[in-house]
Amino acid sequence: MIKCHSCGLTYIGQAYTNNKGLRRYYTCNGKAGYRGLNKDNPNAAKCQAKAVPADLEGMVWQDIEQFLR
């Protein structure tokens, strides 16, 4: 649902736990070399796009609900 403005790949959900609890966010597939982006050139730079907090989900759903009304 989210496309990267830098490389055009999709974002994927990620999560980790720290001392503040569960943290969720989306990160570009281009940051993960194992996704196949750089299989022809393993030394190529990974995507530099920043992660997006998963809090974005609530805003998106509100917009969808308003659109459907």
C-alpha atoms as a PDB file:
ATOM      1  CA  MET A   1       0.000   0.000   0.000  1.00  0.00           C
ATOM      2  CA  ILE A   2       2.992   2.309   0.521  1.00  0.00           C
ATOM      3  CA  LYS A   3       5.472   2.821  -2.326  1.00  0.00           C
ATOM      4  CA  CYS A   4       8.947   4.209  -1.759  1.00  0.00           C
ATOM      5  CA  HIS A   5       9.558   7.637  -3.293  1.00  0.00           C
ATOM      6  CA  SER A   6      13.263   6.850  -3.739  1.00  0.00           C
ATOM      7  CA  CYS A   7      13.348   3.431  -5.408  1.00  0.00           C
ATOM      8  CA  GLY A   8       9.701   2.551  -6.156  1.00  0.00           C
ATOM      9  CA  LEU A   9       9.615  -0.648  -4.108  1.00  0.00           C
ATOM     10  CA  THR A  10       6.902  -1.316  -1.532  1.00  0.00           C
ATOM     11  CA  TYR A  11       7.222  -0.843   2.206  1.00  0.00           C
ATOM     12  CA  ILE A  12       6.944  -3.816   4.580  1.00  0.00           C
ATOM     13  CA  GLY A  13       5.876  -3.987   8.211  1.00  0.00           C
ATOM     14  CA  GLN A  14       8.537  -4.367  10.885  1.00  0.00           C
ATOM     15  CA  ALA A  15       8.343  -4.590  14.672  1.00  0.00           C
ATOM     16  CA  TYR A  16      10.688  -4.751  17.640  1.00  0.00           C
ATOM     17  CA  THR A  17      10.428  -4.510  21.405  1.00  0.00           C
ATOM     18  CA  ASN A  18      12.446  -2.086  23.513  1.00  0.00           C
ATOM     19  CA  ASN A  19      12.084  -0.593  26.996  1.00  0.00           C
ATOM     20  CA  LYS A  20       9.088   1.439  25.748  1.00  0.00           C
ATOM     21  CA  GLY A  21       7.264  -1.692  24.548  1.00  0.00           C
ATOM     22  CA  LEU A  22       6.352  -2.894  21.084  1.00  0.00           C
ATOM     23  CA  ARG A  23       7.365  -0.491  18.303  1.00  0.00           C
ATOM     24  CA  ARG A  24       5.892  -0.936  14.821  1.00  0.00           C
ATOM     25  CA  TYR A  25       6.945   0.766  11.611  1.00  0.00           C
ATOM     26  CA  TYR A  26       7.206   0.322   7.841  1.00  0.00           C
ATOM     27  CA  THR A  27      10.508   0.181   5.998  1.00  0.00           C
ATOM     28  CA  CYS A  28      11.387   0.060   2.298  1.00  0.00           C
ATOM     29  CA  ASN A  29      12.119  -3.321   0.730  1.00  0.00           C
ATOM     30  CA  GLY A  30      15.162  -1.680  -0.852  1.00  0.00           C
ATOM     31  CA  LYS A  31      16.888  -1.563   2.549  1.00  0.00           C
ATOM     32  CA  ALA A  32      17.020  -5.366   2.719  1.00  0.00           C
ATOM     33  CA  GLY A  33      19.641  -6.870   0.424  1.00  0.00           C
ATOM     34  CA  TYR A  34      18.126 -10.342   0.762  1.00  0.00           C
ATOM     35  CA  ARG A  35      14.957  -9.116  -0.983  1.00  0.00           C
ATOM     36  CA  GLY A  36      16.750  -9.417  -4.306  1.00  0.00           C
ATOM     37  CA  LEU A  37      17.130  -5.730  -5.100  1.00  0.00           C
ATOM     38  CA  ASN A  38      20.911  -5.963  -5.382  1.00  0.00           C
ATOM     39  CA  LYS A  39      21.352  -9.604  -6.425  1.00  0.00           C
ATOM     40  CA  ASP A  40      23.346  -8.608  -9.543  1.00  0.00           C
ATOM     41  CA  ASN A  41      25.499  -6.135  -7.628  1.00  0.00           C
ATOM     42  CA  PRO A  42      25.818  -7.001  -3.929  1.00  0.00           C
ATOM     43  CA  ASN A  43      27.996  -3.909  -3.378  1.00  0.00           C
ATOM     44  CA  ALA A  44      25.269  -1.539  -4.601  1.00  0.00           C
ATOM     45  CA  ALA A  45      23.892   0.937  -2.087  1.00  0.00           C
ATOM     46  CA  LYS A  46      20.696   0.090  -0.280  1.00  0.00           C
ATOM     47  CA  CYS A  47      17.717   2.443  -0.421  1.00  0.00           C
ATOM     48  CA  GLN A  48      18.142   5.455   1.869  1.00  0.00           C
ATOM     49  CA  ALA A  49      14.418   6.106   2.470  1.00  0.00           C
ATOM     50  CA  LYS A  50      13.416   6.560   6.109  1.00  0.00           C
ATOM     51  CA  ALA A  51      11.120   4.246   8.034  1.00  0.00           C
ATOM     52  CA  VAL A  52       7.504   5.324   8.596  1.00  0.00           C
ATOM     53  CA  PRO A  53       5.804   4.817  11.989  1.00  0.00           C
ATOM     54  CA  ALA A  54       2.881   2.389  11.888  1.00  0.00           C
ATOM     55  CA  ASP A  55       0.744   5.114  13.510  1.00  0.00           C
ATOM     56  CA  LEU A  56       0.075   6.097   9.919  1.00  0.00           C
ATOM     57  CA  GLU A  57      -2.436   3.228   9.722  1.00  0.00           C
ATOM     58  CA  GLY A  58      -5.018   5.050  11.833  1.00  0.00           C
ATOM     59  CA  MET A  59      -4.928   8.124   9.606  1.00  0.00           C
ATOM     60  CA  VAL A  60      -5.260   6.022   6.455  1.00  0.00           C
ATOM     61  CA  TRP A  61      -8.254   4.130   7.811  1.00  0.00           C
ATOM     62  CA  GLN A  62      -9.949   7.399   8.792  1.00  0.00           C
ATOM     63  CA  ASP A  63      -9.518   8.686   5.238  1.00  0.00           C
ATOM     64  CA  ILE A  64     -10.905   5.448   3.799  1.00  0.00           C
ATOM     65  CA  GLU A  65     -13.941   5.586   6.098  1.00  0.00           C
ATOM     66  CA  GLN A  66     -14.620   9.205   5.140  1.00  0.00           C
ATOM     67  CA  PHE A  67     -14.281   8.369   1.449  1.00  0.00           C
ATOM     68  CA  LEU A  68     -16.761   5.490   1.718  1.00  0.00           C
ATOM     69  CA  ARG A  69     -19.420   7.642   3.426  1.00  0.00           C
END
